[in-house]
Amino acid sequence: MTRLSVEMLAADAPEPITSAGHAQLGIAVLAGIAVIVLLITKFKLHAFLALTIGSLALGAFAGAPLDKAITSFTNGLGSTVAGVGVLIALGAILGKLLADSGGADQIVDTILAKASGRAMPWAMVLIASVIGLPLFFEVGIVLLIPVVLMVARRGNYSLMRIGIPALAGLSVMHGLVPPHPGPLVAIDAVHANLGVTLALGVLVAIPTVIIAGPVFSRFAARWVDVPPPEKMIPQRASDDLERRPGFGATLATVLLPVVLMLSKAVVDIVVDDPEATVQRVFDVVGSPLIALLAAVLVGMFTLGRAAGFTRDRLSTTVEKSLVPIAGILLIVGAGGGFKQTLIDSGVGEMILEISKDWSIPALLLAWLIAVAIRLATGSATVATISAAGLVAPLAADMSTAHTALLVLAIGAGSLFFSHVNDAGFWLVKEYFGLSVGQTIKTWSVMETIISVVAGGLVLLLSLIL
């Protein structure tokens, strides 16, 4: 969403829904978050419904009229879906094309053919990071699990030595690098520059994924030594295809939106003239909507047609890609509604005022808030959205680079210690055939390493930039 559209939405936003004191607002925030946590964890309510009810509870506890609380929530939901809804849909289409055409398998097989022995964990990181760019985390896991299990079985590798690097690559992409939903929503909430955030996100992601992936996998393999579960090896998409896309064309398609968005960031820095033709062209071409749309259209030919898909098959693939993201869109939208309720209730301003008297850096505060919500709800997306709404006022006087780092601090905090209230925890446990204790020793510790390392690198960059 452009800054202009955000300002227009802000102009139409309702007046603050309450003028309650700091103590009442603080209690209202805790009560609202507690309602969300209780509904998700205790009553197993869908996150969309929990966020909706929690937003209304927040308004009620803050002493707001119910009609104004509803208006704040619906405005926030609408503006969030308007900002990132289309991008999530385009990312889902690209990911489905990549999977169904056998393009993902082509990337995997090509890289694995050139890697062996000690290089294998590094190859798995590379595969997961590349494939993870356009895919949601859960889709990435389902796509990579067969590869992880087959490589571990055929090469007689430790399952953790191969699996942890792959999971680390997916998780880091999910939390730190747009166009994933979490980073996109945070960028929208704090008005960060997408290109700068993408560039810094990649800069932070590289050392983070190395430490949490190949390096940590050495220890994880010693702590948990389990064989690959045979029953969990499903059929690969490309096994039913007569042909599949080439490696170069597939890689170029996956990286196209990233290249376009980074090009826009570079041109913005080098040219720095909003009226210049070059910058205006790249402002359009490098916008996330156009970048992802271009990748989808190109992918229909380089992935779909290259795999022999007919027009009907392409249409079916696109249609099927949109069904699973309905829940994600609703959760993200409701999270945006919760964020707007926080803002309109004055909670953001309260945190801004209180934090002036603290010696804690704004980036560390953002990381800690995201960590707390992640531990409570188990959802990285909910943690990112809620934390972004709470700390958005802190970005008002920040530079472009520091605003981008604020987004990354939130993203890093949202990945902290996945445990039993996180769907990803159970997904990893079941696919790898682990016990709860083994999953905590491997997956949960890996997520914590990602969060701490990325958070530390963000703070370090804030001292340099």
Protein backbone atom coordinates (compact mmCIF):
# COMPACT_ATOMS: atom_id res chain seq x y z
CA MET A 1 0.00 0.00 0.00
CA THR A 2 1.39 3.43 -0.90
CA ARG A 3 2.03 6.12 1.67
CA LEU A 4 -0.68 8.24 0.01
CA SER A 5 -3.31 5.52 0.34
CA VAL A 6 -2.35 4.98 3.96
CA GLU A 7 -2.72 8.69 4.65
CA MET A 8 -6.13 8.68 2.94
CA LEU A 9 -7.23 5.77 5.11
CA ALA A 10 -5.93 7.55 8.17
CA ALA A 11 -7.93 10.62 7.24
CA ASP A 12 -11.07 8.50 7.14
CA ALA A 13 -10.26 6.67 10.36
CA PRO A 14 -12.49 7.23 13.39
CA GLU A 15 -11.57 9.42 16.28
CA PRO A 16 -9.68 7.68 19.09
CA ILE A 17 -12.16 5.32 20.68
CA THR A 18 -11.23 6.18 24.24
CA SER A 19 -9.39 8.72 26.33
CA ALA A 20 -8.75 6.33 29.22
CA GLY A 21 -5.71 6.74 31.42
CA HIS A 22 -2.50 4.76 31.04
CA ALA A 23 -3.42 2.29 33.76
CA GLN A 24 -6.79 1.47 32.21
CA LEU A 25 -5.28 1.21 28.73
CA GLY A 26 -2.55 -1.08 30.01
CA ILE A 27 -5.13 -3.34 31.62
CA ALA A 28 -7.23 -3.23 28.45
CA VAL A 29 -4.27 -4.38 26.32
CA LEU A 30 -3.42 -7.23 28.68
CA ALA A 31 -7.07 -8.25 28.87
CA GLY A 32 -7.50 -8.14 25.08
CA ILE A 33 -4.37 -10.23 24.48
CA ALA A 34 -5.39 -12.61 27.29
CA VAL A 35 -8.77 -13.15 25.62
CA ILE A 36 -7.06 -13.97 22.30
CA VAL A 37 -4.57 -16.33 23.97
CA LEU A 38 -7.29 -18.09 25.98
CA LEU A 39 -9.56 -18.55 22.99
CA ILE A 40 -6.76 -19.92 20.79
CA THR A 41 -5.08 -22.16 23.36
CA LYS A 42 -7.84 -23.26 25.74
CA PHE A 43 -10.93 -23.27 23.52
CA LYS A 44 -9.08 -24.04 20.24
CA LEU A 45 -10.97 -21.25 18.49
CA HIS A 46 -9.78 -20.21 15.03
CA ALA A 47 -7.35 -17.28 15.19
CA PHE A 48 -9.68 -15.14 13.03
CA LEU A 49 -12.52 -15.43 15.52
CA ALA A 50 -10.16 -15.05 18.49
CA LEU A 51 -8.68 -11.84 17.09
CA THR A 52 -12.13 -10.46 16.31
CA ILE A 53 -13.44 -11.14 19.80
CA GLY A 54 -10.19 -9.96 21.38
CA SER A 55 -10.38 -6.66 19.51
CA LEU A 56 -13.90 -5.99 20.75
CA ALA A 57 -12.85 -7.01 24.26
CA LEU A 58 -9.94 -4.57 24.10
CA GLY A 59 -12.29 -1.75 23.14
CA ALA A 60 -14.71 -2.67 25.89
CA PHE A 61 -12.01 -2.85 28.57
CA ALA A 62 -10.67 0.51 27.37
CA GLY A 63 -14.10 2.02 27.95
CA ALA A 64 -14.94 2.59 24.29
CA PRO A 65 -18.46 2.64 22.86
CA LEU A 66 -19.04 -0.67 21.06
CA ASP A 67 -19.91 1.00 17.75
CA LYS A 68 -16.56 2.84 17.65
CA ALA A 69 -14.66 -0.33 18.56
CA ILE A 70 -16.41 -2.13 15.70
CA THR A 71 -15.58 0.71 13.29
CA SER A 72 -11.91 0.64 14.30
CA PHE A 73 -11.75 -3.12 13.83
CA THR A 74 -13.46 -3.14 10.43
CA ASN A 75 -11.38 -0.22 9.16
CA GLY A 76 -8.20 -1.98 10.23
CA LEU A 77 -9.30 -5.25 8.67
CA GLY A 78 -10.20 -3.54 5.40
CA SER A 79 -7.00 -1.51 5.09
CA THR A 80 -4.81 -4.52 5.91
CA VAL A 81 -6.46 -6.81 3.37
CA ALA A 82 -6.34 -3.99 0.81
CA GLY A 83 -2.64 -3.59 1.46
CA VAL A 84 -1.46 -7.21 1.49
CA GLY A 85 -4.39 -9.40 0.41
CA VAL A 86 -3.60 -9.32 -3.31
CA LEU A 87 0.10 -9.92 -2.59
CA ILE A 88 -0.70 -13.01 -0.52
CA ALA A 89 -2.91 -14.31 -3.33
CA LEU A 90 -0.22 -13.74 -5.98
CA GLY A 91 2.39 -15.42 -3.80
CA ALA A 92 0.10 -18.41 -3.38
CA ILE A 93 -0.41 -18.70 -7.15
CA LEU A 94 3.33 -18.54 -7.82
CA GLY A 95 4.00 -21.13 -5.14
CA LYS A 96 1.37 -23.49 -6.56
CA LEU A 97 2.77 -23.13 -10.07
CA LEU A 98 6.24 -23.86 -8.71
CA ALA A 99 5.06 -27.00 -6.93
CA ASP A 100 2.65 -28.48 -9.48
CA SER A 101 4.87 -27.90 -12.51
CA GLY A 102 7.78 -29.78 -10.98
CA GLY A 103 9.85 -26.59 -10.91
CA ALA A 104 10.54 -27.02 -7.21
CA ASP A 105 11.65 -30.60 -7.82
CA GLN A 106 13.91 -29.38 -10.63
CA ILE A 107 15.65 -26.90 -8.32
CA VAL A 108 16.02 -29.55 -5.64
CA ASP A 109 17.37 -32.27 -7.94
CA THR A 110 19.81 -29.95 -9.71
CA ILE A 111 21.36 -28.65 -6.51
CA LEU A 112 21.49 -32.08 -4.86
CA ALA A 113 23.20 -33.54 -7.94
CA LYS A 114 26.06 -31.10 -7.36
CA ALA A 115 26.28 -31.53 -3.60
CA SER A 116 27.42 -34.43 -1.47
CA GLY A 117 28.91 -35.23 1.90
CA ARG A 118 29.60 -32.21 4.06
CA ALA A 119 28.10 -29.87 1.47
CA MET A 120 24.66 -31.45 1.79
CA PRO A 121 23.40 -29.37 4.78
CA TRP A 122 24.45 -26.22 2.93
CA ALA A 123 22.64 -27.43 -0.18
CA MET A 124 19.49 -27.94 1.89
CA VAL A 125 19.71 -24.37 3.21
CA LEU A 126 20.07 -23.05 -0.32
CA ILE A 127 17.14 -25.12 -1.59
CA ALA A 128 14.85 -24.12 1.27
CA SER A 129 15.78 -20.43 1.01
CA VAL A 130 15.16 -20.25 -2.73
CA ILE A 131 11.95 -22.26 -2.65
CA GLY A 132 10.83 -20.48 0.51
CA LEU A 133 10.79 -17.04 -1.14
CA PRO A 134 7.34 -17.35 -2.76
CA LEU A 135 5.87 -20.04 -0.47
CA PHE A 136 4.08 -19.95 2.85
CA PHE A 137 5.92 -21.80 5.59
CA GLU A 138 3.46 -24.70 5.83
CA VAL A 139 3.46 -25.17 2.03
CA GLY A 140 7.27 -25.08 2.01
CA ILE A 141 7.43 -27.81 4.66
CA VAL A 142 5.05 -30.06 2.73
CA LEU A 143 7.08 -29.47 -0.44
CA LEU A 144 10.50 -30.07 1.11
CA ILE A 145 9.74 -32.95 3.49
CA PRO A 146 9.91 -35.63 0.74
CA VAL A 147 13.30 -34.26 -0.35
CA VAL A 148 14.66 -34.16 3.21
CA LEU A 149 13.52 -37.71 3.93
CA MET A 150 14.79 -39.13 0.62
CA VAL A 151 18.19 -37.43 0.93
CA ALA A 152 18.59 -38.62 4.51
CA ARG A 153 17.61 -42.19 3.59
CA ARG A 154 19.52 -42.58 0.33
CA GLY A 155 22.65 -40.78 1.51
CA ASN A 156 22.57 -42.35 4.99
CA TYR A 157 22.59 -38.89 6.59
CA SER A 158 21.28 -37.95 10.00
CA LEU A 159 17.70 -36.72 9.60
CA MET A 160 18.42 -33.68 11.77
CA ARG A 161 21.62 -32.87 9.83
CA ILE A 162 19.54 -32.52 6.67
CA GLY A 163 16.18 -31.41 8.11
CA ILE A 164 17.26 -28.57 10.41
CA PRO A 165 19.00 -26.56 7.62
CA ALA A 166 15.90 -26.92 5.43
CA LEU A 167 13.58 -25.80 8.23
CA ALA A 168 15.89 -22.91 9.09
CA GLY A 169 15.87 -21.68 5.49
CA LEU A 170 12.08 -21.73 5.35
CA SER A 171 11.61 -20.11 8.77
CA VAL A 172 14.05 -17.27 8.17
CA MET A 173 12.43 -16.43 4.83
CA HIS A 174 9.00 -16.53 6.48
CA GLY A 175 9.89 -14.17 9.33
CA LEU A 176 12.30 -11.69 7.77
CA VAL A 177 11.94 -11.44 4.02
CA PRO A 178 8.97 -9.96 2.12
CA PRO A 179 6.76 -10.82 0.26
CA HIS A 180 5.74 -13.10 3.14
CA PRO A 181 2.56 -11.93 4.93
CA GLY A 182 4.15 -11.11 8.30
CA PRO A 183 6.87 -8.76 7.03
CA LEU A 184 4.44 -7.18 4.54
CA VAL A 185 1.92 -6.35 7.27
CA ALA A 186 4.65 -4.93 9.51
CA ILE A 187 6.00 -2.82 6.64
CA ASP A 188 2.50 -1.49 6.03
CA ALA A 189 1.90 -0.77 9.73
CA VAL A 190 5.09 1.24 10.35
CA HIS A 191 5.29 2.74 6.83
CA ALA A 192 8.66 1.17 6.08
CA ASN A 193 10.30 1.17 2.66
CA LEU A 194 9.78 -2.30 1.17
CA GLY A 195 12.95 -2.31 -0.92
CA VAL A 196 15.18 -1.25 1.97
CA THR A 197 13.49 -3.77 4.28
CA LEU A 198 13.99 -6.51 1.70
CA ALA A 199 17.68 -5.65 1.26
CA LEU A 200 18.36 -5.48 5.01
CA GLY A 201 16.22 -8.59 5.55
CA VAL A 202 18.41 -10.59 3.16
CA LEU A 203 21.52 -9.16 4.86
CA VAL A 204 20.29 -10.33 8.27
CA ALA A 205 18.91 -13.62 6.93
CA ILE A 206 22.18 -14.96 5.48
CA PRO A 207 24.26 -15.22 8.70
CA THR A 208 21.14 -16.13 10.69
CA VAL A 209 20.28 -19.12 8.51
CA ILE A 210 23.91 -20.29 8.51
CA ILE A 211 24.09 -20.34 12.32
CA ALA A 212 20.60 -21.81 12.87
CA GLY A 213 20.91 -24.24 9.96
CA PRO A 214 24.17 -26.05 9.11
CA VAL A 215 25.97 -25.01 12.31
CA PHE A 216 23.20 -25.88 14.79
CA SER A 217 22.30 -29.06 12.90
CA ARG A 218 25.60 -30.58 14.08
CA PHE A 219 24.40 -30.36 17.68
CA ALA A 220 20.80 -31.28 16.88
CA ALA A 221 21.99 -34.48 15.17
CA ARG A 222 23.84 -35.47 18.36
CA TRP A 223 20.88 -34.70 20.62
CA VAL A 224 18.26 -36.43 18.48
CA ASP A 225 19.23 -39.39 16.30
CA VAL A 226 16.14 -40.77 14.57
CA PRO A 227 15.74 -42.56 11.22
CA PRO A 228 13.62 -41.02 8.45
CA PRO A 229 10.01 -42.28 8.83
CA GLU A 230 9.25 -44.31 5.70
CA LYS A 231 5.49 -43.73 5.87
CA MET A 232 5.93 -39.95 5.57
CA ILE A 233 7.53 -40.00 2.11
CA PRO A 234 4.74 -38.90 -0.29
CA GLN A 235 4.84 -38.93 -4.06
CA ARG A 236 6.52 -35.94 -5.64
CA ALA A 237 4.54 -33.66 -7.97
CA SER A 238 6.87 -34.20 -10.93
CA ASP A 239 6.56 -38.00 -10.77
CA ASP A 240 3.31 -37.74 -12.75
CA LEU A 241 4.66 -35.29 -15.34
CA GLU A 242 6.18 -36.15 -18.71
CA ARG A 243 8.43 -33.10 -18.56
CA ARG A 244 9.22 -30.24 -16.20
CA PRO A 245 10.71 -26.73 -16.40
CA GLY A 246 14.46 -26.16 -16.73
CA PHE A 247 16.53 -25.17 -13.71
CA GLY A 248 17.55 -21.74 -15.06
CA ALA A 249 14.02 -20.73 -16.06
CA THR A 250 12.59 -21.87 -12.73
CA LEU A 251 15.20 -20.06 -10.66
CA ALA A 252 14.80 -16.88 -12.72
CA THR A 253 11.02 -16.97 -12.22
CA VAL A 254 11.30 -17.42 -8.45
CA LEU A 255 13.85 -14.63 -8.09
CA LEU A 256 12.13 -12.21 -10.49
CA PRO A 257 9.98 -10.38 -7.89
CA VAL A 258 12.94 -10.08 -5.51
CA VAL A 259 15.16 -8.64 -8.26
CA LEU A 260 12.49 -6.13 -9.30
CA MET A 261 11.87 -4.94 -5.72
CA LEU A 262 15.59 -4.67 -4.97
CA SER A 263 16.12 -2.77 -8.25
CA LYS A 264 13.54 -0.23 -7.13
CA ALA A 265 15.37 0.22 -3.82
CA VAL A 266 18.71 0.73 -5.59
CA VAL A 267 17.24 3.26 -8.05
CA ASP A 268 15.57 5.14 -5.18
CA ILE A 269 18.95 5.48 -3.46
CA VAL A 270 21.04 6.29 -6.55
CA VAL A 271 18.65 8.61 -8.39
CA ASP A 272 16.77 10.10 -5.41
CA ASP A 273 14.54 12.25 -7.63
CA PRO A 274 10.82 11.38 -7.51
CA GLU A 275 10.25 13.30 -10.77
CA ALA A 276 12.95 11.45 -12.72
CA THR A 277 11.56 9.12 -15.39
CA VAL A 278 13.85 6.25 -14.39
CA GLN A 279 12.74 6.39 -10.77
CA ARG A 280 9.06 6.66 -11.70
CA VAL A 281 9.37 3.59 -13.95
CA PHE A 282 11.08 1.54 -11.25
CA ASP A 283 8.57 2.76 -8.65
CA VAL A 284 5.93 0.98 -10.72
CA VAL A 285 7.94 -2.05 -11.85
CA GLY A 286 9.42 -2.60 -8.39
CA SER A 287 6.17 -2.26 -6.46
CA PRO A 288 5.29 -5.60 -4.81
CA LEU A 289 2.00 -5.87 -6.70
CA ILE A 290 3.58 -5.48 -10.15
CA ALA A 291 6.67 -7.54 -9.21
CA LEU A 292 4.61 -10.51 -8.04
CA LEU A 293 2.08 -10.16 -10.85
CA ALA A 294 4.93 -10.20 -13.38
CA ALA A 295 6.38 -13.33 -11.78
CA VAL A 296 2.99 -15.08 -11.91
CA LEU A 297 2.45 -14.21 -15.58
CA VAL A 298 5.99 -15.24 -16.50
CA GLY A 299 5.59 -18.40 -14.41
CA MET A 300 2.54 -19.46 -16.41
CA PHE A 301 4.88 -19.85 -19.39
CA THR A 302 8.25 -20.75 -17.82
CA LEU A 303 6.67 -23.18 -15.32
CA GLY A 304 3.16 -24.14 -16.42
CA ARG A 305 3.53 -24.29 -20.20
CA ALA A 306 7.03 -25.77 -19.87
CA ALA A 307 5.50 -28.65 -17.89
CA GLY A 308 2.93 -29.20 -20.61
CA PHE A 309 0.00 -27.59 -18.80
CA THR A 310 -3.01 -26.76 -20.96
CA ARG A 311 -4.97 -23.57 -20.44
CA ASP A 312 -7.54 -25.52 -18.43
CA ARG A 313 -4.83 -27.04 -16.25
CA LEU A 314 -3.32 -23.61 -15.61
CA SER A 315 -6.73 -22.24 -14.70
CA THR A 316 -7.30 -25.15 -12.30
CA THR A 317 -3.89 -24.65 -10.70
CA VAL A 318 -4.60 -20.97 -10.07
CA GLU A 319 -8.03 -21.77 -8.66
CA LYS A 320 -6.67 -24.44 -6.30
CA SER A 321 -3.90 -22.12 -5.09
CA LEU A 322 -6.40 -19.60 -3.74
CA VAL A 323 -8.51 -21.99 -1.64
CA PRO A 324 -5.97 -22.66 1.16
CA ILE A 325 -5.17 -18.97 1.73
CA ALA A 326 -8.71 -18.00 2.79
CA GLY A 327 -7.86 -18.69 6.43
CA ILE A 328 -4.55 -16.83 6.17
CA LEU A 329 -6.24 -13.77 4.66
CA LEU A 330 -8.85 -13.72 7.41
CA ILE A 331 -6.25 -14.06 10.16
CA VAL A 332 -4.08 -11.33 8.66
CA GLY A 333 -7.12 -9.09 8.19
CA ALA A 334 -8.37 -9.66 11.74
CA GLY A 335 -4.86 -9.00 12.98
CA GLY A 336 -4.97 -5.69 11.16
CA GLY A 337 -8.31 -4.97 12.84
CA PHE A 338 -6.77 -5.71 16.24
CA LYS A 339 -3.84 -3.44 15.37
CA GLN A 340 -6.18 -0.58 14.41
CA THR A 341 -8.15 -1.03 17.63
CA LEU A 342 -4.89 -0.74 19.55
CA ILE A 343 -3.97 2.43 17.68
CA ASP A 344 -7.39 4.09 17.98
CA SER A 345 -7.57 3.31 21.68
CA GLY A 346 -4.37 5.30 22.19
CA VAL A 347 -2.24 2.33 23.20
CA GLY A 348 0.46 3.18 20.68
CA GLU A 349 0.77 6.70 21.99
CA MET A 350 0.82 5.36 25.54
CA ILE A 351 3.76 3.08 24.72
CA LEU A 352 5.49 5.99 22.99
CA GLU A 353 5.11 8.18 26.07
CA ILE A 354 6.12 5.51 28.56
CA SER A 355 9.10 4.33 26.53
CA LYS A 356 10.56 7.85 26.58
CA ASP A 357 11.42 7.27 30.22
CA TRP A 358 12.95 3.85 29.57
CA SER A 359 16.56 3.23 28.64
CA ILE A 360 15.53 0.29 26.44
CA PRO A 361 16.09 0.83 22.67
CA ALA A 362 12.97 0.93 20.50
CA LEU A 363 14.17 -2.01 18.39
CA LEU A 364 14.71 -4.17 21.48
CA LEU A 365 11.27 -3.15 22.80
CA ALA A 366 9.68 -4.22 19.50
CA TRP A 367 11.52 -7.56 19.64
CA LEU A 368 10.43 -8.22 23.24
CA ILE A 369 6.77 -7.42 22.52
CA ALA A 370 6.77 -9.77 19.53
CA VAL A 371 8.44 -12.48 21.65
CA ALA A 372 5.79 -12.16 24.36
CA ILE A 373 2.88 -12.42 21.90
CA ARG A 374 4.55 -15.30 20.02
CA LEU A 375 5.01 -17.29 23.25
CA ALA A 376 1.41 -16.61 24.25
CA THR A 377 -0.40 -17.27 20.96
CA GLY A 378 2.00 -19.56 19.10
CA SER A 379 1.42 -17.65 15.85
CA ALA A 380 4.29 -15.78 14.23
CA THR A 381 1.82 -13.88 12.04
CA VAL A 382 -0.35 -12.80 14.98
CA ALA A 383 2.78 -11.78 16.90
CA THR A 384 4.04 -9.71 13.98
CA ILE A 385 0.73 -7.96 13.33
CA SER A 386 0.02 -7.19 16.99
CA ALA A 387 3.55 -6.02 17.79
CA ALA A 388 3.61 -3.82 14.68
CA GLY A 389 0.42 -2.10 15.82
CA LEU A 390 1.79 -1.52 19.30
CA VAL A 391 5.15 -0.05 18.27
CA ALA A 392 4.07 1.78 15.09
CA PRO A 393 4.27 5.23 16.77
CA LEU A 394 7.94 4.59 17.59
CA ALA A 395 8.72 4.72 13.86
CA ALA A 396 7.49 8.30 13.47
CA ASP A 397 10.91 9.91 13.92
CA MET A 398 13.03 7.05 12.61
CA SER A 399 15.17 7.12 9.47
CA THR A 400 14.28 4.90 6.52
CA ALA A 401 16.89 2.32 7.50
CA HIS A 402 15.85 2.21 11.16
CA THR A 403 12.17 1.88 10.23
CA ALA A 404 13.11 -1.15 8.11
CA LEU A 405 15.12 -2.52 11.05
CA LEU A 406 12.03 -2.07 13.26
CA VAL A 407 10.15 -4.40 10.90
CA LEU A 408 12.97 -6.94 11.10
CA ALA A 409 13.12 -6.71 14.90
CA ILE A 410 9.42 -7.53 15.03
CA GLY A 411 9.87 -10.38 12.55
CA ALA A 412 12.79 -11.82 14.55
CA GLY A 413 10.84 -11.69 17.79
CA SER A 414 7.84 -13.39 16.19
CA LEU A 415 9.92 -16.57 15.60
CA PHE A 416 11.01 -17.07 19.22
CA PHE A 417 10.66 -20.58 20.76
CA SER A 418 7.88 -22.33 18.89
CA HIS A 419 6.17 -24.76 21.26
CA VAL A 420 2.95 -26.74 21.71
CA ASN A 421 0.59 -23.86 20.85
CA ASP A 422 2.15 -23.45 17.38
CA ALA A 423 0.78 -25.42 14.43
CA GLY A 424 4.28 -25.49 12.92
CA PHE A 425 5.53 -27.37 15.99
CA TRP A 426 3.12 -30.25 15.40
CA LEU A 427 3.72 -30.21 11.65
CA VAL A 428 7.46 -30.75 12.16
CA LYS A 429 6.87 -33.31 14.92
CA GLU A 430 4.59 -35.50 12.82
CA TYR A 431 6.50 -35.26 9.55
CA PHE A 432 9.83 -36.13 11.19
CA GLY A 433 8.35 -38.74 13.52
CA LEU A 434 9.65 -37.03 16.68
CA SER A 435 8.44 -37.00 20.27
CA VAL A 436 7.43 -33.71 21.91
CA GLY A 437 10.74 -33.60 23.78
CA GLN A 438 12.76 -34.25 20.63
CA THR A 439 10.85 -31.56 18.76
CA ILE A 440 11.65 -29.03 21.50
CA LYS A 441 15.36 -30.00 21.45
CA THR A 442 15.57 -29.47 17.70
CA TRP A 443 12.81 -27.35 16.15
CA SER A 444 12.06 -25.12 19.17
CA VAL A 445 15.74 -24.46 19.90
CA MET A 446 16.36 -23.71 16.21
CA GLU A 447 13.54 -21.15 16.15
CA THR A 448 14.97 -19.51 19.28
CA ILE A 449 18.44 -19.32 17.71
CA ILE A 450 16.95 -17.66 14.63
CA SER A 451 15.09 -15.12 16.77
CA VAL A 452 18.06 -14.24 19.00
CA VAL A 453 20.67 -14.12 16.23
CA ALA A 454 18.46 -12.07 13.90
CA GLY A 455 17.48 -9.74 16.75
CA GLY A 456 21.14 -9.26 17.68
CA LEU A 457 22.12 -8.53 14.07
CA VAL A 458 19.31 -5.98 13.79
CA LEU A 459 20.57 -4.16 16.90
CA LEU A 460 24.12 -4.29 15.54
CA LEU A 461 23.04 -2.83 12.20
CA SER A 462 21.19 -0.04 14.05
CA LEU A 463 24.53 1.09 15.48
CA ILE A 464 26.13 1.18 12.04
CA LEU A 465 23.37 2.65 9.83
